[in-house]
Protein backbone atom coordinates (compact mmCIF):
# COMPACT_ATOMS: atom_id res chain seq x y z
CA UNK A 1 0.00 0.00 0.00
CA UNK A 2 1.35 3.44 -0.88
CA UNK A 3 2.17 6.10 1.69
CA UNK A 4 -0.65 8.38 0.56
CA UNK A 5 -3.30 5.65 0.48
CA UNK A 6 -2.35 4.47 3.98
CA UNK A 7 -2.54 8.03 5.32
CA UNK A 8 -5.88 8.59 3.60
CA UNK A 9 -7.15 5.37 5.18
CA UNK A 10 -6.12 6.73 8.57
CA UNK A 11 -7.94 10.00 7.92
CA UNK A 12 -11.14 8.16 6.99
CA UNK A 13 -10.89 6.02 10.13
CA UNK A 14 -10.37 9.06 12.37
CA UNK A 15 -13.27 10.88 10.69
CA UNK A 16 -15.50 7.92 11.56
CA UNK A 17 -15.07 8.86 15.23
CA UNK A 18 -16.29 12.44 14.84
CA UNK A 19 -17.06 14.72 11.89
CA UNK A 20 -14.87 17.31 13.61
CA UNK A 21 -11.69 15.62 12.43
CA UNK A 22 -8.90 17.64 10.84
CA UNK A 23 -5.55 16.90 9.23
CA UNK A 24 -2.72 19.13 10.56
CA UNK A 25 -4.87 21.92 12.06
CA UNK A 26 -8.44 22.85 12.94
CA UNK A 27 -10.14 25.67 11.06
CA UNK A 28 -12.77 26.18 13.77
CA UNK A 29 -12.69 25.91 17.54
CA UNK A 30 -15.59 23.49 17.93
CA UNK A 31 -15.04 20.71 20.44
CA UNK A 32 -14.78 17.85 20.78
CA UNK A 33 -12.45 17.50 17.84
CA UNK A 34 -9.55 15.39 16.59
CA UNK A 35 -6.46 16.71 14.87
CA UNK A 36 -4.07 14.21 13.35
CA UNK A 37 -0.86 14.54 11.38
CA UNK A 38 2.08 12.55 10.18
CA UNK A 39 5.30 14.11 11.42
CA UNK A 40 8.01 12.21 9.60
CA UNK A 41 9.90 8.99 9.23
CA UNK A 42 12.03 7.09 11.72
CA UNK A 43 13.88 3.79 11.92
CA UNK A 44 13.32 2.88 8.27
CA UNK A 45 15.51 0.34 6.45
CA UNK A 46 17.31 0.24 3.12
CA UNK A 47 18.60 -2.68 1.09
CA UNK A 48 20.06 -2.90 -2.43
CA UNK A 49 20.17 0.90 -2.58
CA UNK A 50 16.40 1.15 -2.10
CA UNK A 51 14.10 1.80 0.80
CA UNK A 52 12.87 -1.62 1.86
CA UNK A 53 10.83 -0.61 4.91
CA UNK A 54 9.44 2.80 5.83
CA UNK A 55 8.17 3.75 9.28
CA UNK A 56 5.94 6.84 9.29
CA UNK A 57 5.17 8.43 12.66
CA UNK A 58 2.64 11.02 13.75
CA UNK A 59 0.19 12.17 16.36
CA UNK A 60 -3.53 12.36 16.96
CA UNK A 61 -4.90 14.88 19.46
CA UNK A 62 -8.31 14.94 21.11
CA UNK A 63 -9.60 18.25 22.45
CA UNK A 64 -12.70 17.98 24.64
CA UNK A 65 -14.55 19.57 27.54
CA UNK A 66 -15.90 16.20 28.72
CA UNK A 67 -14.15 14.43 31.56
CA UNK A 68 -13.70 10.73 30.71
CA UNK A 69 -14.81 11.40 27.12
CA UNK A 70 -15.62 8.09 25.38
CA UNK A 71 -13.98 9.48 22.24
CA UNK A 72 -10.64 8.62 23.87
CA UNK A 73 -11.54 4.92 23.74
CA UNK A 74 -12.72 5.39 20.14
CA UNK A 75 -9.32 6.83 19.18
CA UNK A 76 -7.49 3.87 20.71
CA UNK A 77 -9.87 1.38 19.07
CA UNK A 78 -9.32 2.98 15.66
CA UNK A 79 -5.54 2.87 16.12
CA UNK A 80 -5.81 -0.83 16.97
CA UNK A 81 -8.07 -1.50 13.97
CA UNK A 82 -5.62 0.27 11.67
CA UNK A 83 -2.86 -2.01 12.89
CA UNK A 84 -0.48 0.79 13.82
CA UNK A 85 1.68 1.03 16.91
CA UNK A 86 0.59 3.75 19.31
CA UNK A 87 1.16 5.23 22.74
CA UNK A 88 -0.80 7.69 24.87
CA UNK A 89 1.77 10.47 25.28
CA UNK A 90 -0.03 13.04 27.43
CA UNK A 91 -3.28 14.05 29.07
CA UNK A 92 -3.50 17.62 30.25
CA UNK A 93 -5.93 20.37 31.11
CA UNK A 94 -5.23 23.58 29.22
CA UNK A 95 -5.97 26.64 31.35
CA UNK A 96 -6.01 29.03 28.37
CA UNK A 97 -8.67 27.09 26.45
CA UNK A 98 -10.40 25.25 29.32
CA UNK A 99 -10.02 22.04 27.32
CA UNK A 100 -8.80 18.56 28.13
CA UNK A 101 -6.10 17.67 25.60
CA UNK A 102 -5.08 14.06 25.00
CA UNK A 103 -2.24 13.20 22.61
CA UNK A 104 -1.31 9.83 21.12
CA UNK A 105 1.76 9.10 19.03
CA UNK A 106 1.48 6.44 16.33
CA UNK A 107 3.71 4.68 13.82
CA UNK A 108 2.99 2.62 10.75
CA UNK A 109 5.45 0.47 8.82
CA UNK A 110 5.31 -0.08 5.07
CA UNK A 111 7.16 -3.20 3.97
CA UNK A 112 8.49 -4.27 0.60
CA UNK A 113 10.07 -1.88 -1.86
CA UNK A 114 8.54 1.55 -1.56
């Protein structure tokens, strides 16, 4: 599967959680909302002068006013269904926005010649 098609698949899966799902940034301040983005590549492999395995990493952020928001479980379920590695990186209350902000990091590996 190509890089772009895998990322598009992720976007569709995240959008299934909430229609307020944005790639890179949010144009409006409605909550709850998800913002997801790929941030780069790490720990990829090369063989025979070609990339043989590519690991793309990124984040998904949930902004909500609801304590114990069930959307958090939905995010983790989608990450599991997509078959990507993930980790809950932080949960914090933002005084400036009065929002609960949860952030997950994720990584997806593409095998075979890219």
